[in-house]
Amino acid sequence: NIPLSAAFRESPDKRPGQVTLLTSAPLAPN
């Protein structure tokens, strides 16, 4: 239900298995 604008890594050396995703619209609470 929400398109993604970007995918990137914040700290690839310390957290190589973590990917941060940027949404094109805000997430709805609950």
ModelCIF file with pLDDT and N, C-alpha, C, O atoms, coordinates in Angstrom:
data_MODEL
#
_entry.id   MODEL 
#
_entity.id                         1 
_entity.type                       polymer 
_entity.pdbx_number_of_molecules   1 
#
_entity_poly.entity_id                      1 
_entity_poly.type                           'polypeptide(L)' 
_entity_poly.nstd_linkage                   no 
_entity_poly.nstd_monomer                   no 
_entity_poly.pdbx_seq_one_letter_code       NIPLSAAFRESPDKRPGQVTLLTSAPLAPN 
_entity_poly.pdbx_seq_one_letter_code_can   NIPLSAAFRESPDKRPGQVTLLTSAPLAPN 
_entity_poly.pdbx_strand_id                 A 
#
loop_
_entity_poly_seq.entity_id 
_entity_poly_seq.num 
_entity_poly_seq.mon_id 
_entity_poly_seq.hetero 
1 1  ASN n 
1 2  ILE n 
1 3  PRO n 
1 4  LEU n 
1 5  SER n 
1 6  ALA n 
1 7  ALA n 
1 8  PHE n 
1 9  ARG n 
1 10 GLU n 
1 11 SER n 
1 12 PRO n 
1 13 ASP n 
1 14 LYS n 
1 15 ARG n 
1 16 PRO n 
1 17 GLY n 
1 18 GLN n 
1 19 VAL n 
1 20 THR n 
1 21 LEU n 
1 22 LEU n 
1 23 THR n 
1 24 SER n 
1 25 ALA n 
1 26 PRO n 
1 27 LEU n 
1 28 ALA n 
1 29 PRO n 
1 30 ASN n 
#
_struct_asym.id          A 
_struct_asym.entity_id   1 
#
loop_
_ma_qa_metric.id 
_ma_qa_metric.mode 
_ma_qa_metric.name 
_ma_qa_metric.software_group_id 
_ma_qa_metric.type 
1 global pLDDT . pLDDT 
2 local  pLDDT . pLDDT 
#
_ma_qa_metric_global.metric_id      1 
_ma_qa_metric_global.metric_value   91.27 
_ma_qa_metric_global.model_id       1 
_ma_qa_metric_global.ordinal_id     1 
#
loop_
_ma_qa_metric_local.label_asym_id 
_ma_qa_metric_local.label_comp_id 
_ma_qa_metric_local.label_seq_id 
_ma_qa_metric_local.metric_id 
_ma_qa_metric_local.metric_value 
_ma_qa_metric_local.model_id 
_ma_qa_metric_local.ordinal_id 
A ASN 1  2 81.00 1 1  
A ILE 2  2 89.00 1 2  
A PRO 3  2 91.00 1 3  
A LEU 4  2 95.00 1 4  
A SER 5  2 94.00 1 5  
A ALA 6  2 95.00 1 6  
A ALA 7  2 95.00 1 7  
A PHE 8  2 94.00 1 8  
A ARG 9  2 90.00 1 9  
A GLU 10 2 87.00 1 10 
A SER 11 2 83.00 1 11 
A PRO 12 2 84.00 1 12 
A ASP 13 2 84.00 1 13 
A LYS 14 2 87.00 1 14 
A ARG 15 2 90.00 1 15 
A PRO 16 2 92.00 1 16 
A GLY 17 2 94.00 1 17 
A GLN 18 2 95.00 1 18 
A VAL 19 2 96.00 1 19 
A THR 20 2 95.00 1 20 
A LEU 21 2 96.00 1 21 
A LEU 22 2 95.00 1 22 
A THR 23 2 94.00 1 23 
A SER 24 2 92.00 1 24 
A ALA 25 2 91.00 1 25 
A PRO 26 2 91.00 1 26 
A LEU 27 2 92.00 1 27 
A ALA 28 2 91.00 1 28 
A PRO 29 2 92.00 1 29 
A ASN 30 2 93.00 1 30 
#
loop_
_atom_site.group_PDB 
_atom_site.id 
_atom_site.type_symbol 
_atom_site.label_atom_id 
_atom_site.label_alt_id 
_atom_site.label_comp_id 
_atom_site.label_asym_id 
_atom_site.label_entity_id 
_atom_site.label_seq_id 
_atom_site.pdbx_PDB_ins_code 
_atom_site.Cartn_x 
_atom_site.Cartn_y 
_atom_site.Cartn_z 
_atom_site.occupancy 
_atom_site.B_iso_or_equiv 
_atom_site.pdbx_formal_charge 
_atom_site.auth_seq_id 
_atom_site.auth_comp_id 
_atom_site.auth_asym_id 
_atom_site.auth_atom_id 
_atom_site.pdbx_PDB_model_num 
ATOM 1   N N  . ASN A 1 1  ? 0.796  -1.234 0.000  1.00 81.00 ? 1  ASN A N  1 
ATOM 2   C CA . ASN A 1 1  ? 0.000  0.000  0.000  1.00 81.00 ? 1  ASN A CA 1 
ATOM 3   C C  . ASN A 1 1  ? 0.825  1.279  0.000  1.00 81.00 ? 1  ASN A C  1 
ATOM 4   O O  . ASN A 1 1  ? 0.266  2.363  -0.164 1.00 81.00 ? 1  ASN A O  1 
ATOM 5   N N  . ILE A 1 2  ? 2.149  1.182  0.180  1.00 89.00 ? 2  ILE A N  1 
ATOM 6   C CA . ILE A 1 2  ? 2.974  2.395  0.186  1.00 89.00 ? 2  ILE A CA 1 
ATOM 7   C C  . ILE A 1 2  ? 4.184  2.188  -0.717 1.00 89.00 ? 2  ILE A C  1 
ATOM 8   O O  . ILE A 1 2  ? 4.974  1.276  -0.471 1.00 89.00 ? 2  ILE A O  1 
ATOM 9   N N  . PRO A 1 3  ? 4.355  3.013  -1.762 1.00 91.00 ? 3  PRO A N  1 
ATOM 10  C CA . PRO A 1 3  ? 5.554  2.905  -2.613 1.00 91.00 ? 3  PRO A CA 1 
ATOM 11  C C  . PRO A 1 3  ? 6.798  3.306  -1.817 1.00 91.00 ? 3  PRO A C  1 
ATOM 12  O O  . PRO A 1 3  ? 6.732  4.131  -0.906 1.00 91.00 ? 3  PRO A O  1 
ATOM 13  N N  . LEU A 1 4  ? 7.924  2.708  -2.182 1.00 95.00 ? 4  LEU A N  1 
ATOM 14  C CA . LEU A 1 4  ? 9.201  3.023  -1.556 1.00 95.00 ? 4  LEU A CA 1 
ATOM 15  C C  . LEU A 1 4  ? 10.014 3.921  -2.477 1.00 95.00 ? 4  LEU A C  1 
ATOM 16  O O  . LEU A 1 4  ? 10.085 3.698  -3.685 1.00 95.00 ? 4  LEU A O  1 
ATOM 17  N N  . SER A 1 5  ? 10.627 4.943  -1.881 1.00 94.00 ? 5  SER A N  1 
ATOM 18  C CA . SER A 1 5  ? 11.406 5.905  -2.658 1.00 94.00 ? 5  SER A CA 1 
ATOM 19  C C  . SER A 1 5  ? 12.878 5.537  -2.741 1.00 94.00 ? 5  SER A C  1 
ATOM 20  O O  . SER A 1 5  ? 13.535 5.809  -3.745 1.00 94.00 ? 5  SER A O  1 
ATOM 21  N N  . ALA A 1 6  ? 13.401 4.913  -1.675 1.00 95.00 ? 6  ALA A N  1 
ATOM 22  C CA . ALA A 1 6  ? 14.843 4.628  -1.658 1.00 95.00 ? 6  ALA A CA 1 
ATOM 23  C C  . ALA A 1 6  ? 15.132 3.502  -0.681 1.00 95.00 ? 6  ALA A C  1 
ATOM 24  O O  . ALA A 1 6  ? 14.342 3.221  0.221  1.00 95.00 ? 6  ALA A O  1 
ATOM 25  N N  . ALA A 1 7  ? 16.285 2.861  -0.878 1.00 95.00 ? 7  ALA A N  1 
ATOM 26  C CA . ALA A 1 7  ? 16.821 1.845  0.041  1.00 95.00 ? 7  ALA A CA 1 
ATOM 27  C C  . ALA A 1 7  ? 18.303 2.126  0.202  1.00 95.00 ? 7  ALA A C  1 
ATOM 28  O O  . ALA A 1 7  ? 19.000 2.356  -0.786 1.00 95.00 ? 7  ALA A O  1 
ATOM 29  N N  . PHE A 1 8  ? 18.789 2.112  1.427  1.00 94.00 ? 8  PHE A N  1 
ATOM 30  C CA . PHE A 1 8  ? 20.189 2.436  1.671  1.00 94.00 ? 8  PHE A CA 1 
ATOM 31  C C  . PHE A 1 8  ? 20.625 1.797  2.990  1.00 94.00 ? 8  PHE A C  1 
ATOM 32  O O  . PHE A 1 8  ? 19.812 1.258  3.740  1.00 94.00 ? 8  PHE A O  1 
ATOM 33  N N  . ARG A 1 9  ? 21.917 1.871  3.246  1.00 90.00 ? 9  ARG A N  1 
ATOM 34  C CA . ARG A 1 9  ? 22.485 1.349  4.492  1.00 90.00 ? 9  ARG A CA 1 
ATOM 35  C C  . ARG A 1 9  ? 23.065 2.498  5.294  1.00 90.00 ? 9  ARG A C  1 
ATOM 36  O O  . ARG A 1 9  ? 23.777 3.350  4.763  1.00 90.00 ? 9  ARG A O  1 
ATOM 37  N N  . GLU A 1 10 ? 22.752 2.507  6.572  1.00 87.00 ? 10 GLU A N  1 
ATOM 38  C CA . GLU A 1 10 ? 23.248 3.581  7.442  1.00 87.00 ? 10 GLU A CA 1 
ATOM 39  C C  . GLU A 1 10 ? 24.648 3.288  7.962  1.00 87.00 ? 10 GLU A C  1 
ATOM 40  O O  . GLU A 1 10 ? 25.465 4.201  8.080  1.00 87.00 ? 10 GLU A O  1 
ATOM 41  N N  . SER A 1 11 ? 24.937 2.028  8.272  1.00 83.00 ? 11 SER A N  1 
ATOM 42  C CA . SER A 1 11 ? 26.244 1.673  8.817  1.00 83.00 ? 11 SER A CA 1 
ATOM 43  C C  . SER A 1 11 ? 26.608 0.269  8.348  1.00 83.00 ? 11 SER A C  1 
ATOM 44  O O  . SER A 1 11 ? 26.507 -0.683 9.122  1.00 83.00 ? 11 SER A O  1 
ATOM 45  N N  . PRO A 1 12 ? 27.029 0.126  7.090  1.00 84.00 ? 12 PRO A N  1 
ATOM 46  C CA . PRO A 1 12 ? 27.266 -1.218 6.536  1.00 84.00 ? 12 PRO A CA 1 
ATOM 47  C C  . PRO A 1 12 ? 28.371 -1.997 7.242  1.00 84.00 ? 12 PRO A C  1 
ATOM 48  O O  . PRO A 1 12 ? 28.337 -3.228 7.263  1.00 84.00 ? 12 PRO A O  1 
ATOM 49  N N  . ASP A 1 13 ? 29.358 -1.297 7.824  1.00 84.00 ? 13 ASP A N  1 
ATOM 50  C CA . ASP A 1 13 ? 30.436 -2.009 8.513  1.00 84.00 ? 13 ASP A CA 1 
ATOM 51  C C  . ASP A 1 13 ? 29.959 -2.622 9.820  1.00 84.00 ? 13 ASP A C  1 
ATOM 52  O O  . ASP A 1 13 ? 30.315 -3.755 10.146 1.00 84.00 ? 13 ASP A O  1 
ATOM 53  N N  . LYS A 1 14 ? 29.153 -1.875 10.571 1.00 87.00 ? 14 LYS A N  1 
ATOM 54  C CA . LYS A 1 14 ? 28.696 -2.360 11.869 1.00 87.00 ? 14 LYS A CA 1 
ATOM 55  C C  . LYS A 1 14 ? 27.427 -3.207 11.768 1.00 87.00 ? 14 LYS A C  1 
ATOM 56  O O  . LYS A 1 14 ? 27.234 -4.137 12.551 1.00 87.00 ? 14 LYS A O  1 
ATOM 57  N N  . ARG A 1 15 ? 26.551 -2.881 10.790 1.00 90.00 ? 15 ARG A N  1 
ATOM 58  C CA . ARG A 1 15 ? 25.278 -3.605 10.654 1.00 90.00 ? 15 ARG A CA 1 
ATOM 59  C C  . ARG A 1 15 ? 25.087 -4.008 9.190  1.00 90.00 ? 15 ARG A C  1 
ATOM 60  O O  . ARG A 1 15 ? 24.242 -3.443 8.496  1.00 90.00 ? 15 ARG A O  1 
ATOM 61  N N  . PRO A 1 16 ? 25.876 -4.992 8.715  1.00 92.00 ? 16 PRO A N  1 
ATOM 62  C CA . PRO A 1 16 ? 25.833 -5.355 7.294  1.00 92.00 ? 16 PRO A CA 1 
ATOM 63  C C  . PRO A 1 16 ? 24.532 -6.037 6.875  1.00 92.00 ? 16 PRO A C  1 
ATOM 64  O O  . PRO A 1 16 ? 24.245 -6.140 5.682  1.00 92.00 ? 16 PRO A O  1 
ATOM 65  N N  . GLY A 1 17 ? 23.747 -6.502 7.842  1.00 94.00 ? 17 GLY A N  1 
ATOM 66  C CA . GLY A 1 17 ? 22.489 -7.148 7.509  1.00 94.00 ? 17 GLY A CA 1 
ATOM 67  C C  . GLY A 1 17 ? 21.283 -6.240 7.653  1.00 94.00 ? 17 GLY A C  1 
ATOM 68  O O  . GLY A 1 17 ? 20.149 -6.718 7.645  1.00 94.00 ? 17 GLY A O  1 
ATOM 69  N N  . GLN A 1 18 ? 21.504 -4.936 7.785  1.00 95.00 ? 18 GLN A N  1 
ATOM 70  C CA . GLN A 1 18 ? 20.405 -3.981 7.993  1.00 95.00 ? 18 GLN A CA 1 
ATOM 71  C C  . GLN A 1 18 ? 20.254 -3.070 6.776  1.00 95.00 ? 18 GLN A C  1 
ATOM 72  O O  . GLN A 1 18 ? 21.236 -2.542 6.254  1.00 95.00 ? 18 GLN A O  1 
ATOM 73  N N  . VAL A 1 19 ? 19.005 -2.897 6.336  1.00 96.00 ? 19 VAL A N  1 
ATOM 74  C CA . VAL A 1 19 ? 18.682 -2.033 5.206  1.00 96.00 ? 19 VAL A CA 1 
ATOM 75  C C  . VAL A 1 19 ? 17.592 -1.065 5.637  1.00 96.00 ? 19 VAL A C  1 
ATOM 76  O O  . VAL A 1 19 ? 16.572 -1.478 6.187  1.00 96.00 ? 19 VAL A O  1 
ATOM 77  N N  . THR A 1 20 ? 17.807 0.234  5.387  1.00 95.00 ? 20 THR A N  1 
ATOM 78  C CA . THR A 1 20 ? 16.809 1.253  5.720  1.00 95.00 ? 20 THR A CA 1 
ATOM 79  C C  . THR A 1 20 ? 16.024 1.615  4.465  1.00 95.00 ? 20 THR A C  1 
ATOM 80  O O  . THR A 1 20 ? 16.599 1.841  3.400  1.00 95.00 ? 20 THR A O  1 
ATOM 81  N N  . LEU A 1 21 ? 14.698 1.668  4.606  1.00 96.00 ? 21 LEU A N  1 
ATOM 82  C CA . LEU A 1 21 ? 13.804 1.956  3.484  1.00 96.00 ? 21 LEU A CA 1 
ATOM 83  C C  . LEU A 1 21 ? 13.091 3.283  3.721  1.00 96.00 ? 21 LEU A C  1 
ATOM 84  O O  . LEU A 1 21 ? 12.616 3.555  4.824  1.00 96.00 ? 21 LEU A O  1 
ATOM 85  N N  . LEU A 1 22 ? 13.021 4.099  2.684  1.00 95.00 ? 22 LEU A N  1 
ATOM 86  C CA . LEU A 1 22 ? 12.341 5.396  2.739  1.00 95.00 ? 22 LEU A CA 1 
ATOM 87  C C  . LEU A 1 22 ? 11.017 5.280  1.986  1.00 95.00 ? 22 LEU A C  1 
ATOM 88  O O  . LEU A 1 22 ? 10.987 4.907  0.813  1.00 95.00 ? 22 LEU A O  1 
ATOM 89  N N  . THR A 1 23 ? 9.919  5.607  2.680  1.00 94.00 ? 23 THR A N  1 
ATOM 90  C CA . THR A 1 23 ? 8.600  5.537  2.055  1.00 94.00 ? 23 THR A CA 1 
ATOM 91  C C  . THR A 1 23 ? 8.254  6.854  1.374  1.00 94.00 ? 23 THR A C  1 
ATOM 92  O O  . THR A 1 23 ? 8.753  7.915  1.750  1.00 94.00 ? 23 THR A O  1 
ATOM 93  N N  . SER A 1 24 ? 7.390  6.766  0.363  1.00 92.00 ? 24 SER A N  1 
ATOM 94  C CA . SER A 1 24 ? 6.969  7.978  -0.352 1.00 92.00 ? 24 SER A CA 1 
ATOM 95  C C  . SER A 1 24 ? 5.773  8.648  0.307  1.00 92.00 ? 24 SER A C  1 
ATOM 96  O O  . SER A 1 24 ? 5.385  9.745  -0.093 1.00 92.00 ? 24 SER A O  1 
ATOM 97  N N  . ALA A 1 25 ? 5.189  8.012  1.301  1.00 91.00 ? 25 ALA A N  1 
ATOM 98  C CA . ALA A 1 25 ? 4.055  8.574  2.048  1.00 91.00 ? 25 ALA A CA 1 
ATOM 99  C C  . ALA A 1 25 ? 4.217  8.171  3.504  1.00 91.00 ? 25 ALA A C  1 
ATOM 100 O O  . ALA A 1 25 ? 4.844  7.153  3.796  1.00 91.00 ? 25 ALA A O  1 
ATOM 101 N N  . PRO A 1 26 ? 3.655  8.965  4.434  1.00 91.00 ? 26 PRO A N  1 
ATOM 102 C CA . PRO A 1 26 ? 3.839  8.640  5.847  1.00 91.00 ? 26 PRO A CA 1 
ATOM 103 C C  . PRO A 1 26 ? 3.106  7.362  6.248  1.00 91.00 ? 26 PRO A C  1 
ATOM 104 O O  . PRO A 1 26 ? 2.039  7.042  5.724  1.00 91.00 ? 26 PRO A O  1 
ATOM 105 N N  . LEU A 1 27 ? 3.710  6.645  7.191  1.00 92.00 ? 27 LEU A N  1 
ATOM 106 C CA . LEU A 1 27 ? 3.065  5.467  7.766  1.00 92.00 ? 27 LEU A CA 1 
ATOM 107 C C  . LEU A 1 27 ? 1.956  5.900  8.713  1.00 92.00 ? 27 LEU A C  1 
ATOM 108 O O  . LEU A 1 27 ? 2.088  6.906  9.410  1.00 92.00 ? 27 LEU A O  1 
ATOM 109 N N  . ALA A 1 28 ? 0.874  5.150  8.739  1.00 91.00 ? 28 ALA A N  1 
ATOM 110 C CA . ALA A 1 28 ? -0.270 5.483  9.589  1.00 91.00 ? 28 ALA A CA 1 
ATOM 111 C C  . ALA A 1 28 ? -0.101 4.836  10.959 1.00 91.00 ? 28 ALA A C  1 
ATOM 112 O O  . ALA A 1 28 ? 0.198  3.644  11.038 1.00 91.00 ? 28 ALA A O  1 
ATOM 113 N N  . PRO A 1 29 ? -0.286 5.599  12.045 1.00 92.00 ? 29 PRO A N  1 
ATOM 114 C CA . PRO A 1 29 ? -0.190 5.017  13.387 1.00 92.00 ? 29 PRO A CA 1 
ATOM 115 C C  . PRO A 1 29 ? -1.183 3.866  13.563 1.00 92.00 ? 29 PRO A C  1 
ATOM 116 O O  . PRO A 1 29 ? -2.312 3.918  13.077 1.00 92.00 ? 29 PRO A O  1 
ATOM 117 N N  . ASN A 1 30 ? -0.729 2.821  14.276 1.00 93.00 ? 30 ASN A N  1 
ATOM 118 C CA . ASN A 1 30 ? -1.532 1.631  14.604 1.00 93.00 ? 30 ASN A CA 1 
ATOM 119 C C  . ASN A 1 30 ? -1.909 0.796  13.379 1.00 93.00 ? 30 ASN A C  1 
ATOM 120 O O  . ASN A 1 30 ? -2.580 -0.227 13.513 1.00 93.00 ? 30 ASN A O  1 
#
